[in-house]
């Protein structure tokens, strides 16, 4: 049987098949540019009509003449288009804030682990150490974290100075970690305050204080009284001018300015 010789096409395959794909790509790009060009052309007549309708809706008493006098060019932000009306968050006073706090912390209040009190300068939240710490320690317990998360959310937008105070009972403590009740009370206040700062409470509004056993609220002669004295207090006070320092006192919404060092010129001797 005779062997069939390959044709010329089989001997030389076409190398111009890419032209079909290239032509398709060029056609698609051309269509894309046509669409982009058409979308970039704004119908100024319809745009002015929409703008005038918005003016009449949001401000019925306003004149629409400025829009009609713009000619063929109307820039965004010019007279005629009203500014957006954003809802204002009402500023709660301290009594409304206390009501919200008592509502959220009612289970802790009923259990005797927390009290909320209105003061002349603001408010104070007294938290039992049993809710926050183990005996003789300043590490936050896991059960305290949900409470502190709620407290941090309540304190994020209050225009008050927030003092976090640590208190202990009168029984002396001396361990490798805490040399005295002063050390323990300060460490507990720091642990609570730093957790609040980490969860959104503005740092310039927060201060910590450790009082040790010096400010009891109950007699230390009974176990119940000592349990009441072991506490952390979150004290809200107004920003007063009497608290102003030599360099000015920080208030909510103001930048924190640090004092600049004053350098003295060295005296020159003849």
Protein backbone atom coordinates (compact mmCIF):
# COMPACT_ATOMS: atom_id res chain seq x y z
CA UNK A 1 0.00 0.00 0.00
CA UNK A 2 1.34 3.37 -0.97
CA UNK A 3 2.14 5.84 1.84
CA UNK A 4 0.28 9.19 1.60
CA UNK A 5 2.53 12.21 1.69
CA UNK A 6 1.68 15.04 4.11
CA UNK A 7 0.08 18.12 2.63
CA UNK A 8 1.66 21.56 2.65
CA UNK A 9 -0.63 22.69 5.54
CA UNK A 10 0.50 19.82 7.71
CA UNK A 11 4.11 20.52 6.91
CA UNK A 12 3.81 24.26 7.75
CA UNK A 13 1.17 24.93 10.50
CA UNK A 14 -0.25 28.46 10.51
CA UNK A 15 1.39 30.93 12.93
CA UNK A 16 -1.24 33.67 12.50
CA UNK A 17 -4.05 32.22 14.68
CA UNK A 18 -3.28 34.76 17.40
CA UNK A 19 -4.73 37.50 15.17
CA UNK A 20 -8.26 36.30 15.95
CA UNK A 21 -7.72 36.60 19.72
CA UNK A 22 -5.96 39.94 19.27
CA UNK A 23 -8.84 41.31 17.17
CA UNK A 24 -11.38 40.21 19.80
CA UNK A 25 -9.37 41.93 22.55
CA UNK A 26 -9.12 45.18 20.57
CA UNK A 27 -12.86 45.11 19.91
CA UNK A 28 -13.63 44.65 23.61
CA UNK A 29 -11.27 47.47 24.61
CA UNK A 30 -12.85 49.76 22.04
CA UNK A 31 -16.30 49.02 23.42
CA UNK A 32 -15.06 49.66 26.98
CA UNK A 33 -13.65 53.06 26.06
CA UNK A 34 -16.86 54.01 24.25
CA UNK A 35 -18.88 53.15 27.37
CA UNK A 36 -16.51 55.11 29.63
CA UNK A 37 -16.69 58.12 27.33
CA UNK A 38 -20.47 58.01 27.23
CA UNK A 39 -20.67 57.73 31.02
CA UNK A 40 -18.38 60.73 31.50
CA UNK A 41 -20.72 63.05 29.60
CA UNK A 42 -23.12 64.60 32.14
CA UNK A 43 -26.43 65.99 30.96
CA UNK A 44 -26.18 69.41 32.63
CA UNK A 45 -29.81 70.18 31.94
CA UNK A 46 -31.05 67.13 33.83
CA UNK A 47 -28.44 67.71 36.54
CA UNK A 48 -29.75 71.24 37.17
CA UNK A 49 -33.33 69.96 37.28
CA UNK A 50 -32.40 67.39 39.94
CA UNK A 51 -30.49 70.01 41.95
CA UNK A 52 -33.42 72.43 41.83
CA UNK A 53 -35.80 69.71 42.95
CA UNK A 54 -33.54 68.97 45.93
CA UNK A 55 -33.46 72.66 46.89
CA UNK A 56 -37.25 72.92 46.75
CA UNK A 57 -37.62 69.77 48.87
CA UNK A 58 -35.11 70.55 51.63
CA UNK A 59 -35.55 74.34 51.69
CA UNK A 60 -38.91 75.38 50.26
CA UNK A 61 -38.32 79.09 50.96
CA UNK A 62 -34.97 79.28 49.15
CA UNK A 63 -34.61 80.77 45.71
CA UNK A 64 -33.38 78.59 42.88
CA UNK A 65 -31.99 81.49 40.87
CA UNK A 66 -28.33 80.71 41.72
CA UNK A 67 -28.70 77.32 40.09
CA UNK A 68 -30.21 78.79 36.94
CA UNK A 69 -27.40 81.34 36.68
CA UNK A 70 -24.61 78.78 36.77
CA UNK A 71 -24.62 78.54 32.98
CA UNK A 72 -23.18 75.35 31.58
CA UNK A 73 -21.06 74.59 34.63
CA UNK A 74 -22.30 73.52 38.06
CA UNK A 75 -19.71 72.58 40.63
CA UNK A 76 -20.41 70.37 43.59
CA UNK A 77 -20.60 72.11 46.95
CA UNK A 78 -21.82 75.47 45.54
CA UNK A 79 -24.90 77.37 46.67
CA UNK A 80 -28.15 75.57 46.02
CA UNK A 81 -27.52 71.99 47.15
CA UNK A 82 -28.23 71.79 50.91
CA UNK A 83 -25.78 70.31 53.33
CA UNK A 84 -26.65 66.83 54.62
CA UNK A 85 -28.64 66.79 57.82
CA UNK A 86 -26.92 64.39 60.22
CA UNK A 87 -28.67 63.11 63.34
CA UNK A 88 -27.30 64.61 66.53
CA UNK A 89 -26.50 62.32 69.43
CA UNK A 90 -28.06 63.90 72.52
CA UNK A 91 -25.58 64.64 75.29
CA UNK A 92 -26.67 62.78 78.40
CA UNK A 93 -26.32 64.44 81.76
CA UNK A 94 -24.90 62.65 84.76
CA UNK A 95 -28.31 61.58 86.10
CA UNK A 96 -29.26 59.92 82.81
CA UNK A 97 -25.85 58.26 82.72
CA UNK A 98 -26.38 56.92 86.24
CA UNK A 99 -29.78 55.50 85.31
CA UNK A 100 -28.26 53.67 82.35
CA UNK A 101 -25.41 52.40 84.53
CA UNK A 102 -27.76 51.10 87.20
CA UNK A 103 -29.91 49.37 84.60
CA UNK A 104 -26.95 47.55 83.04
CA UNK A 105 -25.35 46.60 86.35
CA UNK A 106 -28.51 45.65 88.23
CA UNK A 107 -27.47 41.96 88.64
CA UNK A 108 -24.22 43.05 90.32
CA UNK A 109 -26.06 45.57 92.49
CA UNK A 110 -28.58 42.97 93.65
CA UNK A 111 -25.72 40.55 94.44
CA UNK A 112 -24.05 43.20 96.63
CA UNK A 113 -20.89 43.42 94.53
CA UNK A 114 -21.40 46.93 93.21
CA UNK A 115 -22.96 50.24 94.25
CA UNK A 116 -23.60 53.38 92.22
CA UNK A 117 -23.83 56.74 93.96
CA UNK A 118 -24.47 60.31 92.83
CA UNK A 119 -22.04 62.87 94.23
CA UNK A 120 -21.91 66.67 94.19
CA UNK A 121 -19.22 66.64 91.49
CA UNK A 122 -20.31 63.61 89.47
CA UNK A 123 -20.68 59.96 90.41
CA UNK A 124 -18.85 57.03 91.97
CA UNK A 125 -19.04 53.31 91.21
CA UNK A 126 -17.79 51.08 94.03
CA UNK A 127 -16.80 47.58 92.93
CA UNK A 128 -16.05 44.79 95.40
CA UNK A 129 -12.64 43.19 95.02
CA UNK A 130 -14.31 39.77 94.92
CA UNK A 131 -15.71 40.64 91.50
CA UNK A 132 -12.34 41.67 90.11
CA UNK A 133 -9.45 39.92 91.89
CA UNK A 134 -8.42 36.96 93.93
CA UNK A 135 -7.39 37.51 97.54
CA UNK A 136 -4.11 39.39 97.82
CA UNK A 137 -3.66 39.67 94.02
CA UNK A 138 -4.05 42.38 91.38
CA UNK A 139 -4.57 40.20 88.29
CA UNK A 140 -8.03 40.55 86.77
CA UNK A 141 -10.16 37.42 86.97
CA UNK A 142 -11.91 36.14 83.82
CA UNK A 143 -15.29 36.74 85.44
CA UNK A 144 -14.47 40.46 85.69
CA UNK A 145 -13.95 40.97 81.96
CA UNK A 146 -17.64 41.15 80.89
CA UNK A 147 -18.26 43.73 83.63
CA UNK A 148 -15.25 45.82 82.58
CA UNK A 149 -16.25 45.63 78.92
CA UNK A 150 -19.64 47.12 79.78
CA UNK A 151 -18.05 49.74 82.03
CA UNK A 152 -15.61 50.81 79.31
CA UNK A 153 -18.48 51.27 76.85
CA UNK A 154 -20.25 53.50 79.38
CA UNK A 155 -17.15 55.64 79.98
CA UNK A 156 -16.02 56.24 76.41
CA UNK A 157 -17.91 59.49 75.80
CA UNK A 158 -18.42 61.00 79.24
CA UNK A 159 -16.97 64.55 79.60
CA UNK A 160 -15.58 63.87 83.06
CA UNK A 161 -12.29 63.15 84.73
CA UNK A 162 -12.18 59.43 85.57
CA UNK A 163 -10.27 58.51 88.72
CA UNK A 164 -9.74 54.80 89.36
CA UNK A 165 -9.04 54.35 93.08
CA UNK A 166 -7.78 51.22 94.82
CA UNK A 167 -8.64 50.51 98.49
CA UNK A 168 -7.77 47.68 100.89
CA UNK A 169 -8.71 46.70 104.43
CA UNK A 170 -6.50 47.30 107.46
CA UNK A 171 -4.88 43.85 107.57
CA UNK A 172 -1.22 44.33 106.55
CA UNK A 173 0.10 42.49 103.53
CA UNK A 174 3.72 41.78 102.70
CA UNK A 175 4.55 39.45 99.84
CA UNK A 176 7.30 39.18 97.28
CA UNK A 177 5.12 41.03 94.78
CA UNK A 178 3.29 43.53 97.01
CA UNK A 179 5.29 45.03 99.82
CA UNK A 180 2.33 46.78 101.46
CA UNK A 181 -1.35 47.59 101.13
CA UNK A 182 -0.32 50.73 99.26
CA UNK A 183 1.36 48.65 96.58
CA UNK A 184 -1.61 46.31 96.30
CA UNK A 185 -4.22 49.08 96.07
CA UNK A 186 -2.24 50.95 93.43
CA UNK A 187 -1.64 47.80 91.39
CA UNK A 188 -5.35 46.99 91.42
CA UNK A 189 -6.29 50.50 90.33
CA UNK A 190 -3.72 50.32 87.54
CA UNK A 191 -5.03 46.96 86.31
CA UNK A 192 -8.60 48.26 86.06
CA UNK A 193 -7.64 51.63 84.53
CA UNK A 194 -5.35 50.11 81.92
CA UNK A 195 -8.04 47.65 80.86
CA UNK A 196 -10.48 50.53 80.40
CA UNK A 197 -7.94 52.47 78.34
CA UNK A 198 -7.28 49.44 76.15
CA UNK A 199 -11.01 49.22 75.43
CA UNK A 200 -11.71 52.75 74.29
CA UNK A 201 -11.74 55.03 77.33
CA UNK A 202 -9.72 58.20 76.45
CA UNK A 203 -6.35 57.96 78.17
CA UNK A 204 -6.02 61.69 79.02
CA UNK A 205 -9.22 61.47 81.08
CA UNK A 206 -8.03 58.59 83.27
CA UNK A 207 -6.03 58.82 86.50
CA UNK A 208 -5.18 56.14 89.06
CA UNK A 209 -4.85 56.48 92.82
CA UNK A 210 -3.98 54.02 95.56
CA UNK A 211 -5.21 54.75 99.08
CA UNK A 212 -4.35 51.50 100.84
CA UNK A 213 -6.43 51.18 104.05
CA UNK A 214 -6.65 54.94 104.67
CA UNK A 215 -10.23 55.54 103.47
CA UNK A 216 -12.49 52.83 104.87
CA UNK A 217 -16.25 52.97 104.35
CA UNK A 218 -16.99 50.38 107.05
CA UNK A 219 -15.37 49.26 110.33
CA UNK A 220 -12.41 46.91 109.88
CA UNK A 221 -13.35 45.06 113.05
CA UNK A 222 -15.68 42.61 111.24
CA UNK A 223 -15.19 40.40 108.19
CA UNK A 224 -18.15 42.08 106.50
CA UNK A 225 -16.68 45.53 107.04
CA UNK A 226 -13.28 44.49 105.73
CA UNK A 227 -14.93 42.99 102.65
CA UNK A 228 -16.63 46.34 101.94
CA UNK A 229 -13.35 48.20 102.35
CA UNK A 230 -11.56 46.01 99.80
CA UNK A 231 -12.82 47.73 96.68
CA UNK A 232 -12.04 49.65 93.51
CA UNK A 233 -13.85 52.93 92.94
CA UNK A 234 -14.41 54.61 89.58
CA UNK A 235 -14.97 58.27 90.41
CA UNK A 236 -16.31 60.74 87.84
CA UNK A 237 -15.60 64.41 88.59
CA UNK A 238 -16.04 67.56 86.57
CA UNK A 239 -13.07 69.35 85.06
CA UNK A 240 -12.52 72.34 87.33
CA UNK A 241 -10.31 75.36 86.97
CA UNK A 242 -8.90 74.64 90.42
CA UNK A 243 -7.23 71.56 88.95
CA UNK A 244 -5.32 73.65 86.41
CA UNK A 245 -1.57 73.11 86.38
CA UNK A 246 1.18 75.56 85.48
CA UNK A 247 0.94 74.47 81.84
CA UNK A 248 -2.87 74.25 81.58
CA UNK A 249 -5.28 71.41 82.20
CA UNK A 250 -6.54 69.06 79.53
CA UNK A 251 -10.26 69.11 78.71
CA UNK A 252 -12.22 66.83 76.35
CA UNK A 253 -11.72 67.80 72.72
CA UNK A 254 -8.47 69.70 73.29
CA UNK A 255 -5.01 68.50 72.19
CA UNK A 256 -2.58 67.43 74.87
CA UNK A 257 0.30 69.92 74.99
CA UNK A 258 3.46 68.95 76.82
CA UNK A 259 5.66 71.62 78.39
CA UNK A 260 8.83 72.52 76.55
CA UNK A 261 12.11 72.39 78.46
CA UNK A 262 13.65 75.72 79.28
CA UNK A 263 17.34 75.76 78.50
CA UNK A 264 19.56 78.26 80.25
CA UNK A 265 22.40 79.92 78.42
CA UNK A 266 25.76 79.22 80.07
CA UNK A 267 27.13 82.26 81.77
CA UNK A 268 30.11 83.78 80.04
CA UNK A 269 32.97 84.87 82.21
CA UNK A 270 35.50 87.41 80.98
